[in-house]
Amino acid sequence: MSMKIAAKPSDIATCVAGYLRDGDLEGVVSMFHPECQIFFPAGAPPALGLDGARAAFQDFIPLRPILESSVTSETINGDTALLQANWSIKDAGGNVMAQGQSTEVAKKLANGGWGYFIDCPAGPPAI
């Protein structure tokens, strides 16, 4: 499998989509910062770090889903970025499995690319 690197924050979802299509869990995990937090499903405690990212995506990998994401906002400040996007995950037959409007914080990774630091697929969690 080839290594995908997000050249800019808005490229992260495209890389994740490619890894999901390839069935490459470690590729998906590589798109997350080592100290990430993933707030999905809504109301659940966040998944933490790369092990949390691995756990959050492991059930999707065998399905080889189609992730479609349209970034609606990208604000970059140094090595940190704020993103918002509309997304959906479809099965091989095109049926929507999940969808939402996300808010994410991305950070530069050691490999020079960008990765999710705080991932809120259903929008920011309630206080």
N, C-alpha and C. Protein backbone atom coordinates (compact mmCIF):
# COMPACT_ATOMS: atom_id res chain seq x y z
N MET A 1 0.84 -1.17 0.00
CA MET A 1 0.00 0.00 0.00
C MET A 1 0.90 1.25 0.00
N SER A 2 0.50 2.22 -0.79
CA SER A 2 1.29 3.44 -0.85
C SER A 2 0.93 4.35 0.32
N MET A 3 1.91 5.15 0.74
CA MET A 3 1.68 6.04 1.87
C MET A 3 1.10 7.35 1.35
N LYS A 4 -0.04 7.73 1.91
CA LYS A 4 -0.68 8.98 1.56
C LYS A 4 -0.36 9.99 2.65
N ILE A 5 0.00 11.19 2.25
CA ILE A 5 0.29 12.27 3.19
C ILE A 5 -0.56 13.46 2.81
N ALA A 6 -1.24 14.04 3.80
CA ALA A 6 -2.08 15.21 3.57
C ALA A 6 -1.19 16.44 3.49
N ALA A 7 -1.07 17.01 2.30
CA ALA A 7 -0.23 18.19 2.09
C ALA A 7 -0.82 19.43 2.76
N LYS A 8 -2.15 19.45 2.89
CA LYS A 8 -2.82 20.55 3.59
C LYS A 8 -3.95 19.93 4.40
N PRO A 9 -4.43 20.63 5.42
CA PRO A 9 -5.45 20.03 6.29
C PRO A 9 -6.67 19.51 5.54
N SER A 10 -7.12 20.21 4.53
CA SER A 10 -8.31 19.77 3.79
C SER A 10 -8.07 18.49 2.99
N ASP A 11 -6.84 18.02 2.91
CA ASP A 11 -6.52 16.76 2.22
C ASP A 11 -6.66 15.53 3.12
N ILE A 12 -6.80 15.74 4.43
CA ILE A 12 -6.82 14.59 5.35
C ILE A 12 -7.94 13.63 5.00
N ALA A 13 -9.15 14.14 4.83
CA ALA A 13 -10.29 13.26 4.55
C ALA A 13 -10.10 12.49 3.25
N THR A 14 -9.50 13.10 2.27
CA THR A 14 -9.23 12.40 1.00
C THR A 14 -8.29 11.23 1.23
N CYS A 15 -7.28 11.45 2.06
CA CYS A 15 -6.34 10.37 2.39
C CYS A 15 -7.04 9.26 3.16
N VAL A 16 -7.85 9.64 4.17
CA VAL A 16 -8.61 8.65 4.94
C VAL A 16 -9.51 7.86 4.00
N ALA A 17 -10.19 8.54 3.09
CA ALA A 17 -11.08 7.87 2.13
C ALA A 17 -10.31 6.83 1.32
N GLY A 18 -9.12 7.18 0.86
CA GLY A 18 -8.31 6.24 0.09
C GLY A 18 -7.91 5.03 0.90
N TYR A 19 -7.50 5.26 2.14
CA TYR A 19 -7.13 4.13 3.00
C TYR A 19 -8.33 3.24 3.32
N LEU A 20 -9.51 3.84 3.54
CA LEU A 20 -10.71 3.04 3.78
C LEU A 20 -11.03 2.18 2.56
N ARG A 21 -10.95 2.78 1.39
CA ARG A 21 -11.20 2.04 0.14
C ARG A 21 -10.22 0.87 -0.02
N ASP A 22 -8.96 1.11 0.40
CA ASP A 22 -7.93 0.07 0.30
C ASP A 22 -8.04 -0.99 1.39
N GLY A 23 -8.87 -0.73 2.43
CA GLY A 23 -8.95 -1.65 3.56
C GLY A 23 -7.72 -1.59 4.43
N ASP A 24 -7.08 -0.43 4.53
CA ASP A 24 -5.80 -0.26 5.23
C ASP A 24 -6.01 0.49 6.55
N LEU A 25 -6.22 -0.26 7.64
CA LEU A 25 -6.46 0.34 8.95
C LEU A 25 -5.28 1.19 9.41
N GLU A 26 -4.07 0.69 9.25
CA GLU A 26 -2.90 1.45 9.71
C GLU A 26 -2.73 2.73 8.90
N GLY A 27 -3.13 2.70 7.63
CA GLY A 27 -3.12 3.93 6.84
C GLY A 27 -4.08 4.95 7.40
N VAL A 28 -5.30 4.51 7.74
CA VAL A 28 -6.26 5.44 8.34
C VAL A 28 -5.68 6.02 9.62
N VAL A 29 -5.12 5.16 10.47
CA VAL A 29 -4.55 5.60 11.75
C VAL A 29 -3.43 6.61 11.53
N SER A 30 -2.69 6.48 10.43
CA SER A 30 -1.59 7.40 10.15
C SER A 30 -2.06 8.83 9.89
N MET A 31 -3.36 9.01 9.69
CA MET A 31 -3.92 10.33 9.42
C MET A 31 -4.37 11.03 10.71
N PHE A 32 -3.99 10.46 11.85
CA PHE A 32 -4.32 11.03 13.15
C PHE A 32 -3.05 11.35 13.93
N HIS A 33 -3.10 12.44 14.67
CA HIS A 33 -2.01 12.84 15.55
C HIS A 33 -1.91 11.82 16.70
N PRO A 34 -0.70 11.51 17.16
CA PRO A 34 -0.56 10.52 18.24
C PRO A 34 -1.35 10.86 19.52
N GLU A 35 -1.63 12.12 19.75
CA GLU A 35 -2.38 12.53 20.95
C GLU A 35 -3.82 12.94 20.61
N CYS A 36 -4.37 12.35 19.56
CA CYS A 36 -5.70 12.75 19.09
C CYS A 36 -6.82 12.34 20.05
N GLN A 37 -7.95 13.01 19.85
CA GLN A 37 -9.21 12.66 20.50
C GLN A 37 -10.26 12.58 19.40
N ILE A 38 -11.06 11.51 19.42
CA ILE A 38 -12.11 11.32 18.43
C ILE A 38 -13.44 11.22 19.17
N PHE A 39 -14.33 12.15 18.90
CA PHE A 39 -15.62 12.22 19.58
C PHE A 39 -16.70 11.59 18.70
N PHE A 40 -16.72 10.25 18.67
CA PHE A 40 -17.72 9.53 17.89
C PHE A 40 -17.86 8.14 18.48
N PRO A 41 -19.05 7.66 18.69
CA PRO A 41 -20.33 8.31 18.41
C PRO A 41 -20.62 9.43 19.41
N ALA A 42 -21.55 10.30 19.02
CA ALA A 42 -21.92 11.43 19.85
C ALA A 42 -22.35 10.93 21.23
N GLY A 43 -21.88 11.62 22.26
CA GLY A 43 -22.25 11.29 23.63
C GLY A 43 -21.36 10.25 24.28
N ALA A 44 -20.55 9.54 23.50
CA ALA A 44 -19.64 8.54 24.05
C ALA A 44 -18.34 9.23 24.49
N PRO A 45 -17.61 8.62 25.42
CA PRO A 45 -16.30 9.18 25.77
C PRO A 45 -15.41 9.20 24.53
N PRO A 46 -14.50 10.16 24.44
CA PRO A 46 -13.65 10.22 23.25
C PRO A 46 -12.69 9.03 23.16
N ALA A 47 -12.42 8.62 21.92
CA ALA A 47 -11.36 7.65 21.66
C ALA A 47 -10.05 8.43 21.69
N LEU A 48 -9.05 7.91 22.37
CA LEU A 48 -7.82 8.65 22.61
C LEU A 48 -6.61 8.02 21.91
N GLY A 49 -5.79 8.86 21.31
CA GLY A 49 -4.54 8.43 20.72
C GLY A 49 -4.71 7.50 19.53
N LEU A 50 -3.60 6.97 19.08
CA LEU A 50 -3.62 6.11 17.90
C LEU A 50 -4.37 4.80 18.15
N ASP A 51 -4.30 4.28 19.39
CA ASP A 51 -5.08 3.08 19.71
C ASP A 51 -6.57 3.39 19.63
N GLY A 52 -6.95 4.58 20.06
CA GLY A 52 -8.35 5.00 19.96
C GLY A 52 -8.79 5.13 18.51
N ALA A 53 -7.93 5.70 17.68
CA ALA A 53 -8.25 5.83 16.25
C ALA A 53 -8.40 4.44 15.62
N ARG A 54 -7.51 3.55 16.00
CA ARG A 54 -7.57 2.17 15.48
C ARG A 54 -8.90 1.52 15.87
N ALA A 55 -9.29 1.67 17.13
CA ALA A 55 -10.54 1.08 17.61
C ALA A 55 -11.76 1.72 16.92
N ALA A 56 -11.69 3.03 16.68
CA ALA A 56 -12.82 3.74 16.07
C ALA A 56 -13.07 3.30 14.63
N PHE A 57 -12.03 2.87 13.92
CA PHE A 57 -12.17 2.54 12.50
C PHE A 57 -12.10 1.05 12.18
N GLN A 58 -11.72 0.21 13.13
CA GLN A 58 -11.48 -1.20 12.80
C GLN A 58 -12.71 -1.91 12.24
N ASP A 59 -13.91 -1.56 12.69
CA ASP A 59 -15.10 -2.24 12.17
C ASP A 59 -15.48 -1.78 10.76
N PHE A 60 -15.00 -0.60 10.35
CA PHE A 60 -15.30 -0.10 9.01
C PHE A 60 -14.41 -0.74 7.94
N ILE A 61 -13.20 -1.13 8.30
CA ILE A 61 -12.20 -1.59 7.33
C ILE A 61 -12.70 -2.77 6.48
N PRO A 62 -13.27 -3.82 7.07
CA PRO A 62 -13.72 -4.94 6.23
C PRO A 62 -14.80 -4.55 5.22
N LEU A 63 -15.53 -3.47 5.50
CA LEU A 63 -16.61 -3.04 4.62
C LEU A 63 -16.12 -2.26 3.41
N ARG A 64 -14.86 -1.79 3.49
CA ARG A 64 -14.28 -0.96 2.43
C ARG A 64 -15.25 0.15 2.01
N PRO A 65 -15.67 0.97 2.97
CA PRO A 65 -16.68 1.99 2.69
C PRO A 65 -16.15 3.12 1.82
N ILE A 66 -17.09 3.88 1.30
CA ILE A 66 -16.77 5.04 0.48
C ILE A 66 -17.02 6.28 1.32
N LEU A 67 -15.96 6.99 1.66
CA LEU A 67 -16.07 8.24 2.41
C LEU A 67 -16.08 9.39 1.43
N GLU A 68 -17.10 10.22 1.53
CA GLU A 68 -17.17 11.44 0.72
C GLU A 68 -17.17 12.61 1.70
N SER A 69 -16.29 13.57 1.49
CA SER A 69 -16.17 14.71 2.40
C SER A 69 -15.99 15.98 1.58
N SER A 70 -16.73 17.00 1.97
CA SER A 70 -16.62 18.30 1.33
C SER A 70 -16.27 19.33 2.40
N VAL A 71 -15.02 19.78 2.39
CA VAL A 71 -14.57 20.75 3.39
C VAL A 71 -15.21 22.10 3.09
N THR A 72 -15.89 22.65 4.09
CA THR A 72 -16.58 23.93 3.92
C THR A 72 -15.81 25.09 4.54
N SER A 73 -14.83 24.77 5.40
CA SER A 73 -14.03 25.83 6.03
C SER A 73 -12.68 25.26 6.45
N GLU A 74 -11.63 26.02 6.18
CA GLU A 74 -10.27 25.63 6.58
C GLU A 74 -9.55 26.90 7.03
N THR A 75 -9.15 26.93 8.29
CA THR A 75 -8.39 28.06 8.83
C THR A 75 -7.10 27.51 9.41
N ILE A 76 -5.96 27.99 8.90
CA ILE A 76 -4.65 27.50 9.33
C ILE A 76 -3.93 28.59 10.11
N ASN A 77 -3.36 28.20 11.26
CA ASN A 77 -2.54 29.08 12.07
C ASN A 77 -1.29 28.29 12.45
N GLY A 78 -0.19 28.49 11.72
CA GLY A 78 1.04 27.77 11.99
C GLY A 78 0.88 26.29 11.74
N ASP A 79 1.07 25.47 12.80
CA ASP A 79 0.99 24.02 12.65
C ASP A 79 -0.35 23.45 13.12
N THR A 80 -1.35 24.35 13.25
CA THR A 80 -2.68 23.95 13.70
C THR A 80 -3.72 24.49 12.72
N ALA A 81 -4.78 23.73 12.51
CA ALA A 81 -5.84 24.17 11.60
C ALA A 81 -7.20 23.77 12.16
N LEU A 82 -8.21 24.55 11.81
CA LEU A 82 -9.59 24.26 12.15
C LEU A 82 -10.33 23.98 10.85
N LEU A 83 -11.05 22.87 10.81
CA LEU A 83 -11.78 22.45 9.62
C LEU A 83 -13.25 22.20 9.95
N GLN A 84 -14.09 22.44 8.97
CA GLN A 84 -15.48 22.00 9.02
C GLN A 84 -15.77 21.34 7.69
N ALA A 85 -16.61 20.30 7.74
CA ALA A 85 -16.92 19.56 6.51
C ALA A 85 -18.27 18.88 6.61
N ASN A 86 -18.85 18.63 5.45
CA ASN A 86 -20.02 17.77 5.31
C ASN A 86 -19.49 16.44 4.80
N TRP A 87 -19.92 15.33 5.38
CA TRP A 87 -19.38 14.03 5.00
C TRP A 87 -20.46 12.97 5.01
N SER A 88 -20.17 11.87 4.32
CA SER A 88 -21.00 10.67 4.39
C SER A 88 -20.11 9.46 4.16
N ILE A 89 -20.53 8.35 4.74
CA ILE A 89 -19.87 7.06 4.50
C ILE A 89 -20.93 6.16 3.90
N LYS A 90 -20.60 5.58 2.73
CA LYS A 90 -21.53 4.70 2.03
C LYS A 90 -20.93 3.30 1.91
N ASP A 91 -21.81 2.31 1.87
CA ASP A 91 -21.34 0.95 1.62
C ASP A 91 -21.08 0.78 0.12
N ALA A 92 -20.60 -0.40 -0.26
CA ALA A 92 -20.25 -0.65 -1.66
C ALA A 92 -21.43 -0.46 -2.60
N GLY A 93 -22.65 -0.63 -2.09
CA GLY A 93 -23.84 -0.45 -2.91
C GLY A 93 -24.34 0.98 -2.99
N GLY A 94 -23.62 1.89 -2.31
CA GLY A 94 -24.01 3.30 -2.34
C GLY A 94 -25.00 3.71 -1.26
N ASN A 95 -25.32 2.79 -0.35
CA ASN A 95 -26.23 3.11 0.75
C ASN A 95 -25.51 3.88 1.84
N VAL A 96 -26.09 4.97 2.30
CA VAL A 96 -25.48 5.81 3.34
C VAL A 96 -25.52 5.06 4.67
N MET A 97 -24.33 4.87 5.26
CA MET A 97 -24.19 4.21 6.56
C MET A 97 -24.16 5.25 7.68
N ALA A 98 -23.58 6.40 7.41
CA ALA A 98 -23.47 7.48 8.39
C ALA A 98 -23.18 8.76 7.63
N GLN A 99 -23.59 9.89 8.22
CA GLN A 99 -23.30 11.18 7.62
C GLN A 99 -23.35 12.25 8.70
N GLY A 100 -22.79 13.41 8.39
CA GLY A 100 -22.82 14.49 9.36
C GLY A 100 -22.09 15.72 8.90
N GLN A 101 -22.02 16.66 9.81
CA GLN A 101 -21.26 17.90 9.63
C GLN A 101 -20.21 17.90 10.71
N SER A 102 -18.95 17.83 10.31
CA SER A 102 -17.86 17.68 11.26
C SER A 102 -17.16 19.00 11.57
N THR A 103 -16.53 18.99 12.73
CA THR A 103 -15.59 20.04 13.12
C THR A 103 -14.33 19.32 13.57
N GLU A 104 -13.19 19.71 13.03
CA GLU A 104 -11.93 19.06 13.38
C GLU A 104 -10.83 20.09 13.61
N VAL A 105 -9.92 19.71 14.48
CA VAL A 105 -8.67 20.45 14.63
C VAL A 105 -7.59 19.52 14.08
N ALA A 106 -6.77 20.05 13.19
CA ALA A 106 -5.67 19.27 12.61
C ALA A 106 -4.34 19.87 13.05
N LYS A 107 -3.32 19.03 13.10
CA LYS A 107 -1.97 19.48 13.44
C LYS A 107 -0.98 18.85 12.46
N LYS A 108 0.14 19.51 12.30
CA LYS A 108 1.24 18.95 11.50
C LYS A 108 1.75 17.69 12.18
N LEU A 109 2.08 16.69 11.38
CA LEU A 109 2.62 15.43 11.88
C LEU A 109 4.13 15.37 11.66
N ALA A 110 4.77 14.41 12.30
CA ALA A 110 6.21 14.24 12.18
C ALA A 110 6.64 13.98 10.74
N ASN A 111 5.75 13.39 9.91
CA ASN A 111 6.10 13.08 8.51
C ASN A 111 5.96 14.30 7.59
N GLY A 112 5.58 15.47 8.16
CA GLY A 112 5.44 16.68 7.37
C GLY A 112 4.03 16.92 6.86
N GLY A 113 3.18 15.91 6.96
CA GLY A 113 1.79 16.06 6.54
C GLY A 113 0.93 16.56 7.69
N TRP A 114 -0.38 16.52 7.48
CA TRP A 114 -1.35 16.95 8.48
C TRP A 114 -2.15 15.75 8.95
N GLY A 115 -2.61 15.79 10.21
CA GLY A 115 -3.46 14.74 10.75
C GLY A 115 -4.47 15.32 11.72
N TYR A 116 -5.54 14.58 11.92
CA TYR A 116 -6.57 15.03 12.87
C TYR A 116 -6.03 14.98 14.29
N PHE A 117 -6.23 16.06 15.04
CA PHE A 117 -5.86 16.16 16.45
C PHE A 117 -7.11 16.04 17.31
N ILE A 118 -8.17 16.75 16.93
CA ILE A 118 -9.48 16.62 17.55
C ILE A 118 -10.47 16.38 16.42
N ASP A 119 -11.14 15.24 16.44
CA ASP A 119 -12.06 14.88 15.37
C ASP A 119 -13.46 14.75 15.95
N CYS A 120 -14.34 15.60 15.49
CA CYS A 120 -15.74 15.62 15.95
C CYS A 120 -16.65 15.44 14.74
N PRO A 121 -16.83 14.19 14.27
CA PRO A 121 -17.64 13.96 13.08
C PRO A 121 -19.08 14.47 13.17
N ALA A 122 -19.63 14.51 14.39
CA ALA A 122 -21.00 14.97 14.58
C ALA A 122 -21.04 16.41 15.09
N GLY A 123 -19.95 17.15 14.90
CA GLY A 123 -19.85 18.50 15.43
C GLY A 123 -19.29 18.48 16.83
N PRO A 124 -19.01 19.65 17.39
CA PRO A 124 -18.41 19.71 18.73
C PRO A 124 -19.30 19.06 19.78
N PRO A 125 -18.67 18.36 20.73
CA PRO A 125 -19.45 17.72 21.79
C PRO A 125 -20.08 18.78 22.72
N ALA A 126 -21.20 18.40 23.34
CA ALA A 126 -21.86 19.31 24.29
C ALA A 126 -21.01 19.41 25.56
N ILE A 127 -21.16 20.49 26.24
CA ILE A 127 -20.42 20.72 27.49
C ILE A 127 -20.97 19.83 28.58
